[in-house]
Amino acid sequence: MPAFRVTLGDMDSGITRITANPMVCNGQPCVRGLRITVALVLKYLAAGRSTEQLVTEFPELEPADVADCLRYAAWLASGRTIDLPTAA
């Protein structure tokens, strides 16, 4: 299955834990193919939860996952896009 295209330009984004698959959460960007969307993680962070609280509430998450969600959001906010790998 081909990757979704979200363009970041020529720079390496370093985003490795965010995937998209049309069969998982309607193709929304997710953490490592889990059914935990980037949007959900960002909403919890915006509501004041810490990375440590998220990892406790969602044991599947790792601190690096949360960091990649923030990195992905920052790239999108800058108007850039990235090729997301398709989760298995």
N, C-alpha and C. Protein backbone atom coordinates (compact mmCIF):
# COMPACT_ATOMS: atom_id res chain seq x y z
N MET A 1 0.85 -1.16 0.00
CA MET A 1 0.00 0.00 0.00
C MET A 1 0.90 1.24 0.00
N PRO A 2 0.64 2.24 -0.84
CA PRO A 2 1.51 3.41 -0.92
C PRO A 2 1.39 4.29 0.32
N ALA A 3 2.44 5.05 0.56
CA ALA A 3 2.42 5.99 1.68
C ALA A 3 1.54 7.18 1.34
N PHE A 4 0.97 7.78 2.38
CA PHE A 4 0.25 9.03 2.20
C PHE A 4 1.27 10.13 2.01
N ARG A 5 0.93 11.14 1.24
CA ARG A 5 1.88 12.22 1.00
C ARG A 5 1.50 13.45 1.81
N VAL A 6 2.41 13.87 2.64
CA VAL A 6 2.29 15.11 3.38
C VAL A 6 3.68 15.76 3.21
N THR A 7 3.87 16.88 2.45
CA THR A 7 5.18 17.38 2.02
C THR A 7 5.94 18.18 3.06
N LEU A 8 7.15 17.83 3.34
CA LEU A 8 8.00 18.57 4.27
C LEU A 8 9.10 19.32 3.56
N GLY A 9 9.14 19.24 2.27
CA GLY A 9 10.23 19.90 1.56
C GLY A 9 11.45 19.01 1.54
N ASP A 10 12.62 19.63 1.48
CA ASP A 10 13.87 18.88 1.33
C ASP A 10 14.48 18.43 2.64
N MET A 11 14.00 18.94 3.76
CA MET A 11 14.60 18.60 5.05
C MET A 11 14.09 17.26 5.55
N ASP A 12 14.94 16.55 6.27
CA ASP A 12 14.53 15.31 6.92
C ASP A 12 13.78 15.68 8.18
N SER A 13 12.56 15.23 8.29
CA SER A 13 11.70 15.61 9.42
C SER A 13 12.09 14.91 10.71
N GLY A 14 12.68 13.73 10.62
CA GLY A 14 12.96 12.94 11.81
C GLY A 14 11.72 12.28 12.39
N ILE A 15 10.60 12.41 11.70
CA ILE A 15 9.35 11.82 12.18
C ILE A 15 9.29 10.37 11.71
N THR A 16 9.41 9.44 12.64
CA THR A 16 9.46 8.03 12.27
C THR A 16 8.33 7.20 12.87
N ARG A 17 7.59 7.76 13.82
CA ARG A 17 6.60 6.98 14.55
C ARG A 17 5.17 7.27 14.15
N ILE A 18 4.97 8.15 13.19
CA ILE A 18 3.62 8.50 12.75
C ILE A 18 3.34 7.81 11.43
N THR A 19 2.22 7.10 11.35
CA THR A 19 1.85 6.36 10.15
C THR A 19 0.42 6.71 9.75
N ALA A 20 0.07 6.35 8.54
CA ALA A 20 -1.30 6.54 8.08
C ALA A 20 -1.69 5.33 7.24
N ASN A 21 -2.91 4.87 7.44
CA ASN A 21 -3.42 3.73 6.70
C ASN A 21 -4.92 3.96 6.53
N PRO A 22 -5.42 3.92 5.30
CA PRO A 22 -6.85 4.16 5.10
C PRO A 22 -7.75 3.18 5.85
N MET A 23 -7.20 2.06 6.27
CA MET A 23 -7.99 1.05 6.98
C MET A 23 -7.94 1.24 8.51
N VAL A 24 -7.15 2.18 8.98
CA VAL A 24 -7.02 2.43 10.42
C VAL A 24 -7.43 3.88 10.69
N CYS A 25 -8.45 4.06 11.48
CA CYS A 25 -8.94 5.40 11.86
C CYS A 25 -9.19 6.29 10.64
N ASN A 26 -9.75 5.69 9.59
CA ASN A 26 -10.08 6.43 8.37
C ASN A 26 -8.90 7.17 7.76
N GLY A 27 -7.71 6.62 7.92
CA GLY A 27 -6.53 7.23 7.31
C GLY A 27 -5.92 8.38 8.09
N GLN A 28 -6.45 8.67 9.27
CA GLN A 28 -5.87 9.74 10.08
C GLN A 28 -4.46 9.33 10.52
N PRO A 29 -3.56 10.29 10.64
CA PRO A 29 -2.22 9.97 11.15
C PRO A 29 -2.32 9.38 12.54
N CYS A 30 -1.65 8.24 12.73
CA CYS A 30 -1.67 7.51 14.00
C CYS A 30 -0.26 7.26 14.48
N VAL A 31 -0.16 6.87 15.73
CA VAL A 31 1.12 6.52 16.32
C VAL A 31 1.42 5.05 16.02
N ARG A 32 2.48 4.81 15.27
CA ARG A 32 2.99 3.46 14.98
C ARG A 32 1.92 2.46 14.57
N GLY A 33 0.91 2.91 13.84
CA GLY A 33 -0.13 1.99 13.38
C GLY A 33 -1.14 1.61 14.44
N LEU A 34 -0.97 2.14 15.64
CA LEU A 34 -1.95 1.90 16.69
C LEU A 34 -3.19 2.72 16.39
N ARG A 35 -4.25 2.46 17.06
CA ARG A 35 -5.46 3.25 16.88
C ARG A 35 -5.48 4.43 17.84
N ILE A 36 -4.33 5.03 17.97
CA ILE A 36 -4.17 6.26 18.76
C ILE A 36 -3.75 7.33 17.77
N THR A 37 -4.66 8.27 17.50
CA THR A 37 -4.39 9.28 16.49
C THR A 37 -3.51 10.40 17.05
N VAL A 38 -2.80 11.04 16.14
CA VAL A 38 -2.01 12.21 16.51
C VAL A 38 -2.93 13.27 17.11
N ALA A 39 -4.11 13.44 16.52
CA ALA A 39 -5.07 14.44 17.02
C ALA A 39 -5.44 14.16 18.48
N LEU A 40 -5.64 12.91 18.84
CA LEU A 40 -5.99 12.57 20.22
C LEU A 40 -4.86 12.95 21.17
N VAL A 41 -3.64 12.59 20.81
CA VAL A 41 -2.49 12.92 21.65
C VAL A 41 -2.38 14.44 21.82
N LEU A 42 -2.53 15.17 20.72
CA LEU A 42 -2.43 16.63 20.78
C LEU A 42 -3.54 17.24 21.63
N LYS A 43 -4.74 16.68 21.53
CA LYS A 43 -5.85 17.19 22.35
C LYS A 43 -5.57 17.00 23.84
N TYR A 44 -5.04 15.85 24.21
CA TYR A 44 -4.69 15.61 25.61
C TYR A 44 -3.60 16.57 26.07
N LEU A 45 -2.59 16.78 25.24
CA LEU A 45 -1.52 17.71 25.60
C LEU A 45 -2.07 19.13 25.73
N ALA A 46 -2.94 19.53 24.82
CA ALA A 46 -3.53 20.87 24.86
C ALA A 46 -4.40 21.06 26.10
N ALA A 47 -4.96 19.97 26.60
CA ALA A 47 -5.79 20.03 27.80
C ALA A 47 -4.96 20.06 29.08
N GLY A 48 -3.63 19.98 28.92
CA GLY A 48 -2.76 20.09 30.08
C GLY A 48 -2.11 18.82 30.56
N ARG A 49 -2.37 17.71 29.90
CA ARG A 49 -1.73 16.46 30.31
C ARG A 49 -0.25 16.50 29.92
N SER A 50 0.57 15.87 30.73
CA SER A 50 1.99 15.77 30.44
C SER A 50 2.27 14.49 29.65
N THR A 51 3.45 14.42 29.11
CA THR A 51 3.87 13.20 28.41
C THR A 51 3.78 12.01 29.36
N GLU A 52 4.23 12.19 30.59
CA GLU A 52 4.21 11.11 31.57
C GLU A 52 2.78 10.64 31.85
N GLN A 53 1.85 11.59 31.94
CA GLN A 53 0.46 11.21 32.16
C GLN A 53 -0.11 10.45 30.98
N LEU A 54 0.23 10.88 29.77
CA LEU A 54 -0.26 10.17 28.58
C LEU A 54 0.26 8.75 28.52
N VAL A 55 1.55 8.59 28.82
CA VAL A 55 2.15 7.25 28.78
C VAL A 55 1.52 6.35 29.83
N THR A 56 1.13 6.93 30.95
CA THR A 56 0.45 6.16 32.00
C THR A 56 -0.97 5.79 31.57
N GLU A 57 -1.68 6.75 30.97
CA GLU A 57 -3.07 6.52 30.56
C GLU A 57 -3.17 5.63 29.33
N PHE A 58 -2.17 5.69 28.47
CA PHE A 58 -2.13 4.86 27.25
C PHE A 58 -0.82 4.06 27.28
N PRO A 59 -0.81 2.90 27.90
CA PRO A 59 0.44 2.13 28.06
C PRO A 59 1.13 1.76 26.75
N GLU A 60 0.38 1.80 25.64
CA GLU A 60 1.00 1.49 24.34
C GLU A 60 1.93 2.61 23.89
N LEU A 61 1.71 3.82 24.40
CA LEU A 61 2.52 4.97 24.01
C LEU A 61 3.86 4.98 24.71
N GLU A 62 4.84 5.55 24.02
CA GLU A 62 6.16 5.79 24.58
C GLU A 62 6.42 7.29 24.51
N PRO A 63 7.27 7.81 25.35
CA PRO A 63 7.57 9.25 25.30
C PRO A 63 7.99 9.72 23.90
N ALA A 64 8.71 8.89 23.17
CA ALA A 64 9.14 9.25 21.81
C ALA A 64 7.93 9.39 20.87
N ASP A 65 6.86 8.65 21.13
CA ASP A 65 5.65 8.78 20.32
C ASP A 65 5.04 10.17 20.49
N VAL A 66 4.97 10.61 21.73
CA VAL A 66 4.40 11.92 22.02
C VAL A 66 5.26 13.01 21.37
N ALA A 67 6.57 12.86 21.47
CA ALA A 67 7.48 13.83 20.84
C ALA A 67 7.27 13.87 19.33
N ASP A 68 7.07 12.72 18.70
CA ASP A 68 6.85 12.70 17.25
C ASP A 68 5.50 13.33 16.89
N CYS A 69 4.49 13.19 17.75
CA CYS A 69 3.21 13.85 17.50
C CYS A 69 3.40 15.36 17.49
N LEU A 70 4.16 15.86 18.43
CA LEU A 70 4.43 17.30 18.48
C LEU A 70 5.26 17.75 17.29
N ARG A 71 6.24 16.95 16.92
CA ARG A 71 7.08 17.27 15.76
C ARG A 71 6.22 17.29 14.49
N TYR A 72 5.35 16.32 14.35
CA TYR A 72 4.46 16.25 13.18
C TYR A 72 3.55 17.48 13.14
N ALA A 73 2.98 17.86 14.27
CA ALA A 73 2.10 19.03 14.33
C ALA A 73 2.87 20.30 13.96
N ALA A 74 4.10 20.40 14.43
CA ALA A 74 4.92 21.57 14.12
C ALA A 74 5.19 21.67 12.62
N TRP A 75 5.49 20.53 11.99
CA TRP A 75 5.73 20.52 10.55
C TRP A 75 4.46 20.93 9.80
N LEU A 76 3.33 20.41 10.22
CA LEU A 76 2.07 20.76 9.55
C LEU A 76 1.75 22.24 9.74
N ALA A 77 1.99 22.76 10.93
CA ALA A 77 1.72 24.17 11.20
C ALA A 77 2.60 25.09 10.37
N SER A 78 3.75 24.59 9.96
CA SER A 78 4.66 25.39 9.14
C SER A 78 4.29 25.33 7.66
N GLY A 79 3.22 24.59 7.34
CA GLY A 79 2.76 24.49 5.96
C GLY A 79 3.52 23.46 5.15
N ARG A 80 4.30 22.64 5.81
CA ARG A 80 5.06 21.59 5.13
C ARG A 80 4.31 20.28 5.25
N THR A 81 4.71 19.29 4.48
CA THR A 81 4.09 17.97 4.54
C THR A 81 5.17 16.90 4.53
N ILE A 82 4.76 15.68 4.79
CA ILE A 82 5.70 14.56 4.89
C ILE A 82 5.06 13.30 4.31
N ASP A 83 5.89 12.41 3.77
CA ASP A 83 5.41 11.10 3.34
C ASP A 83 5.32 10.22 4.58
N LEU A 84 4.12 9.83 4.94
CA LEU A 84 3.93 8.95 6.08
C LEU A 84 3.93 7.50 5.61
N PRO A 85 4.68 6.64 6.31
CA PRO A 85 4.60 5.23 5.93
C PRO A 85 3.23 4.67 6.27
N THR A 86 2.83 3.69 5.50
CA THR A 86 1.57 3.01 5.76
C THR A 86 1.80 1.95 6.82
N ALA A 87 0.96 1.95 7.84
CA ALA A 87 1.07 0.96 8.90
C ALA A 87 0.67 -0.41 8.36
N ALA A 88 1.29 -1.43 8.91
CA ALA A 88 0.97 -2.80 8.48
C ALA A 88 -0.38 -3.24 8.95
